[in-house]
């Protein structure tokens, strides 16, 4: 085969492989060659034996079945705004008439709007701090994704719009559905137990259960990170869940495994900003996964340790991104509420002492004060993202002025 034809063949293999969502490692292992050899074949610099070439072509002629699918699977968004009707229209793009209005709501909100039990909007009338909260379940996110596609939009533009409206993402579940069972969840659990893993997490949990009546397994689950942490990964056998919920056999289940990356509070907001700038959610998912965990064939501290072959094939050639797992500083809201309700009486007392004795204790106290590391970090965040905190600062300014006006009117 001449060089031009070899190049065209390699390019055709690459395009067909990528159309199926297959990594080079996946196709290479499927036909029994090395990833580096397949890479050279795709570049047109190496030829394959007729047997191996036929195996590749036969594999690529199989029905196009996705290997995996990446989804935004849960969202909670908070706005420092009481204009919930405008936010529903502008952010979700659905007429309010399609929602059921309830005259009760949890967590001190005045009321809530619900659509098919999968999209919920809780609102406050005059409490800007409580503001408006939007919650999208898994099905709610799927409906929103469909609406975005119909409007010729995408998740990137949605996240940009929310951030432009100064929305604060307080929960993002970023998931991957594995349709082919690329990995074994029980095997990953075993590797964690043996210490054949590198990870940024300090805590792991594993669960598994059995339906005693039917003598059937309910599947295995591996958690990385604690329940209280702002970042927690959950890997589980989705086919067992589907069998139980839908009353089908494991073979009929669409999804074999699910890998969930769960982010909360400040880390969810950090992830939202990354999503707003990316065009490839699948690439981002693998980079986040790769930045937090890697499985090995033995203890990774062993000089001869190698990345587990199946894990390497699953991750492919993706890079790594880490959203810091360091302690997150207390919020500005907590600081202000603590000052207003816990510290202001003492400051008022010192101010009266200064007035009585013509002293300057209050100003000296402020001068002597030093911010702790958490407050320094919070101030850095506020300076780096002034648009997000601007509304909150204005709210407390108005609140304090209102309290002051009430006192002077008596």
Protein backbone atom coordinates (compact mmCIF):
# COMPACT_ATOMS: atom_id res chain seq x y z
CA UNK A 1 0.00 0.00 0.00
CA UNK A 2 1.50 3.35 -0.99
CA UNK A 3 2.07 6.16 1.52
CA UNK A 4 -0.88 8.30 0.30
CA UNK A 5 -3.34 5.40 0.63
CA UNK A 6 -1.90 4.46 4.02
CA UNK A 7 -2.43 8.03 5.22
CA UNK A 8 -6.04 8.07 3.96
CA UNK A 9 -6.73 4.72 5.60
CA UNK A 10 -5.30 5.91 8.92
CA UNK A 11 -7.38 9.08 8.79
CA UNK A 12 -10.51 7.04 8.04
CA UNK A 13 -9.82 4.77 11.02
CA UNK A 14 -9.33 7.77 13.31
CA UNK A 15 -12.56 9.49 12.20
CA UNK A 16 -14.61 6.28 12.51
CA UNK A 17 -13.14 5.59 15.95
CA UNK A 18 -13.92 9.08 17.23
CA UNK A 19 -17.47 8.93 15.84
CA UNK A 20 -18.04 5.97 18.15
CA UNK A 21 -16.56 7.77 21.14
CA UNK A 22 -13.77 5.20 21.41
CA UNK A 23 -10.34 6.06 22.75
CA UNK A 24 -7.24 4.71 21.02
CA UNK A 25 -6.65 2.47 24.02
CA UNK A 26 -10.16 1.01 23.78
CA UNK A 27 -9.90 0.11 20.08
CA UNK A 28 -6.31 -1.11 20.46
CA UNK A 29 -7.24 -3.48 23.30
CA UNK A 30 -10.32 -4.59 21.37
CA UNK A 31 -8.21 -5.86 18.46
CA UNK A 32 -5.11 -6.86 20.45
CA UNK A 33 -2.50 -4.26 19.52
CA UNK A 34 -0.73 -1.52 21.45
CA UNK A 35 -2.10 2.01 21.63
CA UNK A 36 1.17 3.43 20.29
CA UNK A 37 0.95 1.17 17.22
CA UNK A 38 -2.65 2.25 16.55
CA UNK A 39 -1.57 5.88 16.89
CA UNK A 40 1.08 5.37 14.21
CA UNK A 41 -1.43 3.59 11.95
CA UNK A 42 -3.83 6.51 12.26
CA UNK A 43 -1.02 8.92 11.37
CA UNK A 44 -0.21 6.82 8.30
CA UNK A 45 3.35 6.00 9.42
CA UNK A 46 2.85 2.26 10.12
CA UNK A 47 1.06 -0.60 8.40
CA UNK A 48 -0.79 -3.49 10.01
CA UNK A 49 -0.95 -7.11 9.05
CA UNK A 50 -3.97 -8.06 7.00
CA UNK A 51 -5.40 -9.97 9.97
CA UNK A 52 -5.17 -7.01 12.39
CA UNK A 53 -6.40 -4.55 9.79
CA UNK A 54 -9.48 -6.71 9.16
CA UNK A 55 -10.14 -6.88 12.90
CA UNK A 56 -10.08 -3.07 13.09
CA UNK A 57 -12.33 -2.65 10.07
CA UNK A 58 -14.78 -5.27 11.37
CA UNK A 59 -14.92 -3.50 14.75
CA UNK A 60 -15.55 -0.12 13.14
CA UNK A 61 -18.35 -1.58 11.01
CA UNK A 62 -20.27 -2.64 14.09
CA UNK A 63 -23.43 -0.69 14.88
CA UNK A 64 -22.55 2.66 16.40
CA UNK A 65 -23.16 2.09 20.10
CA UNK A 66 -21.87 4.79 22.45
CA UNK A 67 -19.24 3.70 24.93
CA UNK A 68 -20.26 6.39 27.40
CA UNK A 69 -22.34 9.51 27.86
CA UNK A 70 -21.54 12.54 30.01
CA UNK A 71 -24.42 14.43 31.64
CA UNK A 72 -25.15 17.32 33.95
CA UNK A 73 -27.34 15.28 36.29
CA UNK A 74 -28.34 17.61 39.16
CA UNK A 75 -28.22 21.36 39.70
CA UNK A 76 -29.04 23.74 42.52
CA UNK A 77 -28.65 27.47 41.85
CA UNK A 78 -29.12 30.37 44.27
CA UNK A 79 -29.77 34.00 43.29
CA UNK A 80 -29.62 37.03 45.59
CA UNK A 81 -32.82 38.23 43.99
CA UNK A 82 -36.54 38.19 44.78
CA UNK A 83 -37.51 38.51 41.11
CA UNK A 84 -38.29 34.83 40.78
CA UNK A 85 -40.77 35.23 37.93
CA UNK A 86 -38.22 37.06 35.81
CA UNK A 87 -35.54 34.49 36.62
CA UNK A 88 -37.81 31.60 35.62
CA UNK A 89 -38.49 33.26 32.29
CA UNK A 90 -34.93 34.41 31.60
CA UNK A 91 -32.94 31.45 32.94
CA UNK A 92 -35.20 28.46 32.27
CA UNK A 93 -37.15 29.94 29.36
CA UNK A 94 -40.47 28.39 30.43
CA UNK A 95 -43.76 30.28 30.91
CA UNK A 96 -44.82 30.41 34.55
CA UNK A 97 -48.21 28.94 33.59
CA UNK A 98 -46.54 25.56 33.07
CA UNK A 99 -45.55 25.40 36.75
CA UNK A 100 -47.73 24.37 39.66
CA UNK A 101 -47.62 27.01 42.39
CA UNK A 102 -47.50 25.75 45.96
CA UNK A 103 -48.21 28.02 48.92
CA UNK A 104 -45.67 26.28 51.15
CA UNK A 105 -41.94 25.72 50.87
CA UNK A 106 -39.11 24.36 53.06
CA UNK A 107 -36.21 26.23 54.64
CA UNK A 108 -38.16 29.43 55.39
CA UNK A 109 -39.14 30.27 51.81
CA UNK A 110 -42.54 31.83 51.12
CA UNK A 111 -43.60 29.53 48.30
CA UNK A 112 -42.43 27.42 45.39
CA UNK A 113 -43.17 26.58 41.78
CA UNK A 114 -42.86 22.97 40.62
CA UNK A 115 -42.79 21.43 37.14
CA UNK A 116 -43.48 17.68 36.97
CA UNK A 117 -41.72 17.16 40.31
CA UNK A 118 -38.32 17.53 38.58
CA UNK A 119 -37.81 21.32 38.49
CA UNK A 120 -38.44 23.33 41.67
CA UNK A 121 -38.13 27.07 42.27
CA UNK A 122 -38.28 28.26 45.89
CA UNK A 123 -38.67 31.99 46.41
CA UNK A 124 -38.71 34.73 49.03
CA UNK A 125 -40.60 38.00 48.70
CA UNK A 126 -38.37 40.50 50.52
CA UNK A 127 -35.40 38.55 51.91
CA UNK A 128 -32.64 39.04 49.35
CA UNK A 129 -30.25 36.70 51.17
CA UNK A 130 -32.69 33.82 50.82
CA UNK A 131 -33.50 35.10 47.35
CA UNK A 132 -34.51 32.49 44.77
CA UNK A 133 -33.35 28.89 44.52
CA UNK A 134 -33.69 26.70 41.42
CA UNK A 135 -33.33 22.94 41.74
CA UNK A 136 -33.13 20.52 38.80
CA UNK A 137 -33.22 16.77 39.45
CA UNK A 138 -31.70 14.31 36.98
CA UNK A 139 -34.87 14.34 34.87
CA UNK A 140 -35.08 18.11 35.27
CA UNK A 141 -31.57 18.47 33.84
CA UNK A 142 -32.48 16.21 30.92
CA UNK A 143 -35.53 18.36 30.19
CA UNK A 144 -33.42 21.52 30.41
CA UNK A 145 -30.80 20.01 28.08
CA UNK A 146 -33.56 19.25 25.57
CA UNK A 147 -34.83 22.82 25.77
CA UNK A 148 -31.32 24.16 25.24
CA UNK A 149 -30.83 21.95 22.18
CA UNK A 150 -34.20 23.04 20.75
CA UNK A 151 -33.16 26.66 21.22
CA UNK A 152 -29.83 25.89 19.50
CA UNK A 153 -28.03 26.57 22.77
CA UNK A 154 -25.92 24.38 25.07
CA UNK A 155 -24.79 23.93 28.66
CA UNK A 156 -21.88 26.30 28.20
CA UNK A 157 -24.21 29.16 27.29
CA UNK A 158 -26.63 28.24 30.09
CA UNK A 159 -23.89 28.39 32.72
CA UNK A 160 -22.69 31.70 31.29
CA UNK A 161 -26.18 33.15 31.53
CA UNK A 162 -26.62 32.03 35.14
CA UNK A 163 -23.27 33.55 36.11
CA UNK A 164 -24.18 36.77 34.26
CA UNK A 165 -27.29 36.96 36.47
CA UNK A 166 -24.97 36.53 39.48
CA UNK A 167 -26.29 33.05 40.16
CA UNK A 168 -24.42 30.88 42.63
CA UNK A 169 -24.24 27.17 41.79
CA UNK A 170 -24.47 25.35 45.13
CA UNK A 171 -24.69 21.81 43.72
CA UNK A 172 -23.55 20.20 40.46
CA UNK A 173 -23.65 16.46 39.81
CA UNK A 174 -21.47 15.72 36.79
CA UNK A 175 -21.91 12.13 35.63
CA UNK A 176 -20.75 9.58 33.08
CA UNK A 177 -22.88 6.62 32.02
CA UNK A 178 -20.81 3.61 30.94
CA UNK A 179 -22.79 1.59 28.38
CA UNK A 180 -20.29 -1.23 27.86
CA UNK A 181 -19.02 -1.96 31.37
CA UNK A 182 -15.52 -0.64 30.70
CA UNK A 183 -14.61 -1.07 34.36
CA UNK A 184 -15.59 -3.40 37.19
CA UNK A 185 -16.86 -1.54 40.25
CA UNK A 186 -16.14 -4.51 42.58
CA UNK A 187 -12.58 -4.57 41.22
CA UNK A 188 -12.15 -0.83 41.87
CA UNK A 189 -13.41 -1.37 45.43
CA UNK A 190 -10.88 -4.17 45.87
CA UNK A 191 -8.05 -1.95 44.64
CA UNK A 192 -8.99 0.76 47.15
CA UNK A 193 -8.96 -1.83 49.93
CA UNK A 194 -5.51 -3.07 48.82
CA UNK A 195 -4.14 0.47 48.46
CA UNK A 196 -3.61 0.13 44.72
CA UNK A 197 -4.78 3.68 44.15
CA UNK A 198 -3.57 7.26 44.18
CA UNK A 199 -6.19 9.85 45.07
CA UNK A 200 -6.65 13.34 46.45
CA UNK A 201 -9.43 12.02 48.70
CA UNK A 202 -8.74 10.95 52.28
CA UNK A 203 -11.89 8.93 52.91
CA UNK A 204 -13.61 6.12 51.03
CA UNK A 205 -16.72 4.04 51.65
CA UNK A 206 -18.14 1.01 49.91
CA UNK A 207 -21.60 -0.50 49.95
CA UNK A 208 -23.32 -3.54 48.56
CA UNK A 209 -26.59 -5.26 49.29
CA UNK A 210 -28.68 -8.32 48.51
CA UNK A 211 -32.39 -8.71 47.85
CA UNK A 212 -32.96 -11.63 50.24
CA UNK A 213 -36.41 -12.51 48.87
CA UNK A 214 -35.23 -12.80 45.27
CA UNK A 215 -31.67 -13.81 46.20
CA UNK A 216 -30.29 -11.08 43.90
CA UNK A 217 -27.46 -8.60 44.34
CA UNK A 218 -28.42 -4.93 44.51
CA UNK A 219 -25.07 -3.95 43.06
CA UNK A 220 -21.84 -2.47 44.43
CA UNK A 221 -21.07 1.19 45.18
CA UNK A 222 -17.77 2.95 45.87
CA UNK A 223 -17.67 6.42 47.45
CA UNK A 224 -14.60 8.66 47.54
CA UNK A 225 -14.75 11.62 49.88
CA UNK A 226 -16.90 12.15 52.98
CA UNK A 227 -20.60 13.02 52.99
CA UNK A 228 -19.79 16.49 54.35
CA UNK A 229 -17.04 17.32 51.85
CA UNK A 230 -17.70 19.72 48.98
CA UNK A 231 -16.46 17.16 46.47
CA UNK A 232 -17.49 13.50 46.51
CA UNK A 233 -17.25 10.82 43.82
CA UNK A 234 -19.67 7.92 43.57
CA UNK A 235 -19.10 4.90 41.30
CA UNK A 236 -21.88 2.29 41.16
CA UNK A 237 -23.40 -0.50 39.11
CA UNK A 238 -26.25 1.29 37.41
CA UNK A 239 -27.58 -1.85 35.71
CA UNK A 240 -28.49 -3.39 39.07
CA UNK A 241 -30.40 -0.22 39.99
CA UNK A 242 -32.23 -0.27 36.63
CA UNK A 243 -33.12 -3.94 37.06
CA UNK A 244 -34.66 -3.28 40.46
CA UNK A 245 -36.48 -0.08 39.48
CA UNK A 246 -37.76 -1.19 36.08
CA UNK A 247 -38.13 -4.91 36.67
CA UNK A 248 -35.81 -5.92 33.83
CA UNK A 249 -32.85 -8.26 33.47
CA UNK A 250 -29.28 -7.01 33.77
CA UNK A 251 -28.78 -7.69 30.08
CA UNK A 252 -31.63 -5.33 29.22
CA UNK A 253 -30.25 -2.45 31.30
CA UNK A 254 -29.07 0.43 29.10
CA UNK A 255 -26.32 1.67 31.41
CA UNK A 256 -23.80 -0.70 33.04
CA UNK A 257 -21.96 1.66 35.40
CA UNK A 258 -22.40 5.24 36.51
CA UNK A 259 -19.58 7.53 37.65
CA UNK A 260 -20.82 10.61 39.52
CA UNK A 261 -18.66 13.62 40.41
CA UNK A 262 -20.63 15.55 43.02
CA UNK A 263 -19.65 19.13 43.79
CA UNK A 264 -21.16 21.45 46.42
CA UNK A 265 -21.02 25.08 47.53
CA UNK A 266 -17.87 26.98 46.54
CA UNK A 267 -16.47 24.04 44.60
CA UNK A 268 -19.69 23.79 42.60
CA UNK A 269 -19.34 27.48 41.75
CA UNK A 270 -15.73 26.95 40.69
CA UNK A 271 -16.78 24.05 38.46
CA UNK A 272 -19.58 26.16 36.97
CA UNK A 273 -17.06 28.75 35.84
CA UNK A 274 -14.98 26.03 34.20
CA UNK A 275 -18.03 24.57 32.43
CA UNK A 276 -18.99 28.03 31.17
CA UNK A 277 -15.69 28.13 29.26
CA UNK A 278 -15.52 24.60 27.88
CA UNK A 279 -16.86 23.21 24.61
CA UNK A 280 -16.31 19.55 25.50
CA UNK A 281 -18.03 18.20 28.63
CA UNK A 282 -16.71 14.67 28.07
CA UNK A 283 -13.12 15.91 27.98
CA UNK A 284 -13.71 17.98 31.13
CA UNK A 285 -15.24 15.01 32.97
CA UNK A 286 -12.24 12.79 32.31
CA UNK A 287 -9.82 15.59 33.23
CA UNK A 288 -11.57 16.07 36.59
CA UNK A 289 -11.61 12.32 37.20
CA UNK A 290 -7.96 11.96 36.18
CA UNK A 291 -6.97 14.83 38.45
CA UNK A 292 -8.48 13.18 41.53
CA UNK A 293 -7.84 9.44 41.24
CA UNK A 294 -5.76 6.81 39.45
CA UNK A 295 -5.79 3.02 39.90
CA UNK A 296 -2.61 0.92 39.70
CA UNK A 297 -1.66 -2.73 39.40
CA UNK A 298 -0.08 -2.53 42.86
CA UNK A 299 0.84 0.04 45.53
CA UNK A 300 1.64 3.22 43.54
CA UNK A 301 4.68 3.78 45.78
CA UNK A 302 6.21 0.58 44.44
CA UNK A 303 8.93 1.52 41.89
CA UNK A 304 7.52 -1.06 39.47
CA UNK A 305 3.91 0.12 39.76
CA UNK A 306 2.02 0.73 36.52
CA UNK A 307 -1.36 2.28 35.86
CA UNK A 308 -4.06 -0.39 35.70
CA UNK A 309 -4.59 -1.28 32.03
CA UNK A 310 -8.37 -1.06 32.09
CA UNK A 311 -8.27 2.24 33.97
CA UNK A 312 -5.75 3.62 31.46
CA UNK A 313 -7.99 2.57 28.57
CA UNK A 314 -10.98 4.19 30.29
CA UNK A 315 -9.18 7.51 30.92
CA UNK A 316 -7.52 7.52 27.47
CA UNK A 317 -5.25 10.42 26.58
CA UNK A 318 -7.00 13.02 28.72
CA UNK A 319 -5.13 15.46 30.93
CA UNK A 320 -5.92 16.33 34.53
CA UNK A 321 -7.71 19.18 36.29
CA UNK A 322 -7.95 19.56 40.04
CA UNK A 323 -10.47 21.69 41.88
CA UNK A 324 -8.68 22.30 45.16
CA UNK A 325 -9.84 20.21 48.10
CA UNK A 326 -8.44 22.67 50.64
CA UNK A 327 -10.70 23.99 53.39
CA UNK A 328 -13.11 26.54 51.97
CA UNK A 329 -13.34 29.85 53.85
CA UNK A 330 -16.55 30.82 55.61
CA UNK A 331 -18.96 32.70 53.43
CA UNK A 332 -19.40 36.45 53.50
CA UNK A 333 -22.99 35.87 54.63
CA UNK A 334 -21.80 34.01 57.75
CA UNK A 335 -19.27 36.72 58.55
CA UNK A 336 -21.82 39.51 58.26
CA UNK A 337 -24.52 37.72 60.26
CA UNK A 338 -21.99 36.98 63.00
CA UNK A 339 -20.90 40.63 63.11
CA UNK A 340 -24.45 42.00 63.13
CA UNK A 341 -25.90 39.64 65.74
CA UNK A 342 -22.88 38.67 67.81
CA UNK A 343 -20.31 41.46 67.67
CA UNK A 344 -22.20 44.71 67.06
CA UNK A 345 -23.51 44.96 70.69
CA UNK A 346 -19.94 44.80 71.99
CA UNK A 347 -18.77 47.36 69.42
CA UNK A 348 -21.64 49.67 70.40
CA UNK A 349 -20.55 49.35 74.04
CA UNK A 350 -16.92 50.25 73.21
CA UNK A 351 -18.17 53.21 71.12
CA UNK A 352 -20.06 54.52 74.16
CA UNK A 353 -16.94 54.05 76.32
CA UNK A 354 -14.95 56.10 73.79
CA UNK A 355 -17.59 58.83 73.84
CA UNK A 356 -17.67 58.95 77.64
CA UNK A 357 -13.93 58.94 78.21
CA UNK A 358 -12.86 60.66 74.96
CA UNK A 359 -10.79 57.58 74.12
CA UNK A 360 -10.13 55.80 70.81
CA UNK A 361 -10.47 52.19 71.86
CA UNK A 362 -12.69 51.21 68.91
CA UNK A 363 -10.30 52.46 66.23
CA UNK A 364 -7.34 50.90 68.06
CA UNK A 365 -9.14 47.55 68.22
CA UNK A 366 -9.68 47.65 64.45
CA UNK A 367 -6.04 48.60 63.85
CA UNK A 368 -4.79 45.74 66.03
CA UNK A 369 -6.98 43.14 64.37
CA UNK A 370 -5.42 40.65 61.96
CA UNK A 371 -7.35 38.55 59.48
CA UNK A 372 -7.08 34.79 59.87
CA UNK A 373 -6.15 32.61 56.86
CA UNK A 374 -9.82 31.82 56.13
CA UNK A 375 -10.72 35.52 56.01
CA UNK A 376 -7.70 36.30 53.84
CA UNK A 377 -8.79 33.59 51.40
CA UNK A 378 -12.36 34.90 51.38
CA UNK A 379 -11.17 38.46 50.68
CA UNK A 380 -9.02 37.17 47.81
CA UNK A 381 -12.06 35.41 46.36
CA UNK A 382 -14.15 38.57 46.69
CA UNK A 383 -11.52 40.68 44.95
CA UNK A 384 -11.13 38.10 42.20
CA UNK A 385 -14.88 37.94 41.56
CA UNK A 386 -16.33 41.34 42.58
CA UNK A 387 -19.42 41.04 40.38
CA UNK A 388 -20.61 37.96 42.25
CA UNK A 389 -20.25 39.54 45.72
CA UNK A 390 -21.40 43.05 44.77
CA UNK A 391 -25.11 42.35 45.27
CA UNK A 392 -24.46 40.69 48.62
CA UNK A 393 -22.39 43.65 49.86
CA UNK A 394 -25.11 46.09 48.74
CA UNK A 395 -27.75 44.00 50.49
CA UNK A 396 -25.97 44.22 53.85
CA UNK A 397 -25.34 47.91 53.35
CA UNK A 398 -29.08 48.45 52.82
CA UNK A 399 -29.91 46.17 55.76
CA UNK A 400 -27.62 48.01 58.18
CA UNK A 401 -28.87 51.38 56.97
CA UNK A 402 -32.45 50.22 57.50
CA UNK A 403 -31.66 49.11 61.06
CA UNK A 404 -30.00 52.46 61.71
CA UNK A 405 -33.01 54.39 60.34
CA UNK A 406 -35.39 52.38 62.51
CA UNK A 407 -33.39 53.24 65.62
CA UNK A 408 -33.26 56.97 64.86
CA UNK A 409 -37.02 57.09 64.18
CA UNK A 410 -37.85 56.00 67.76
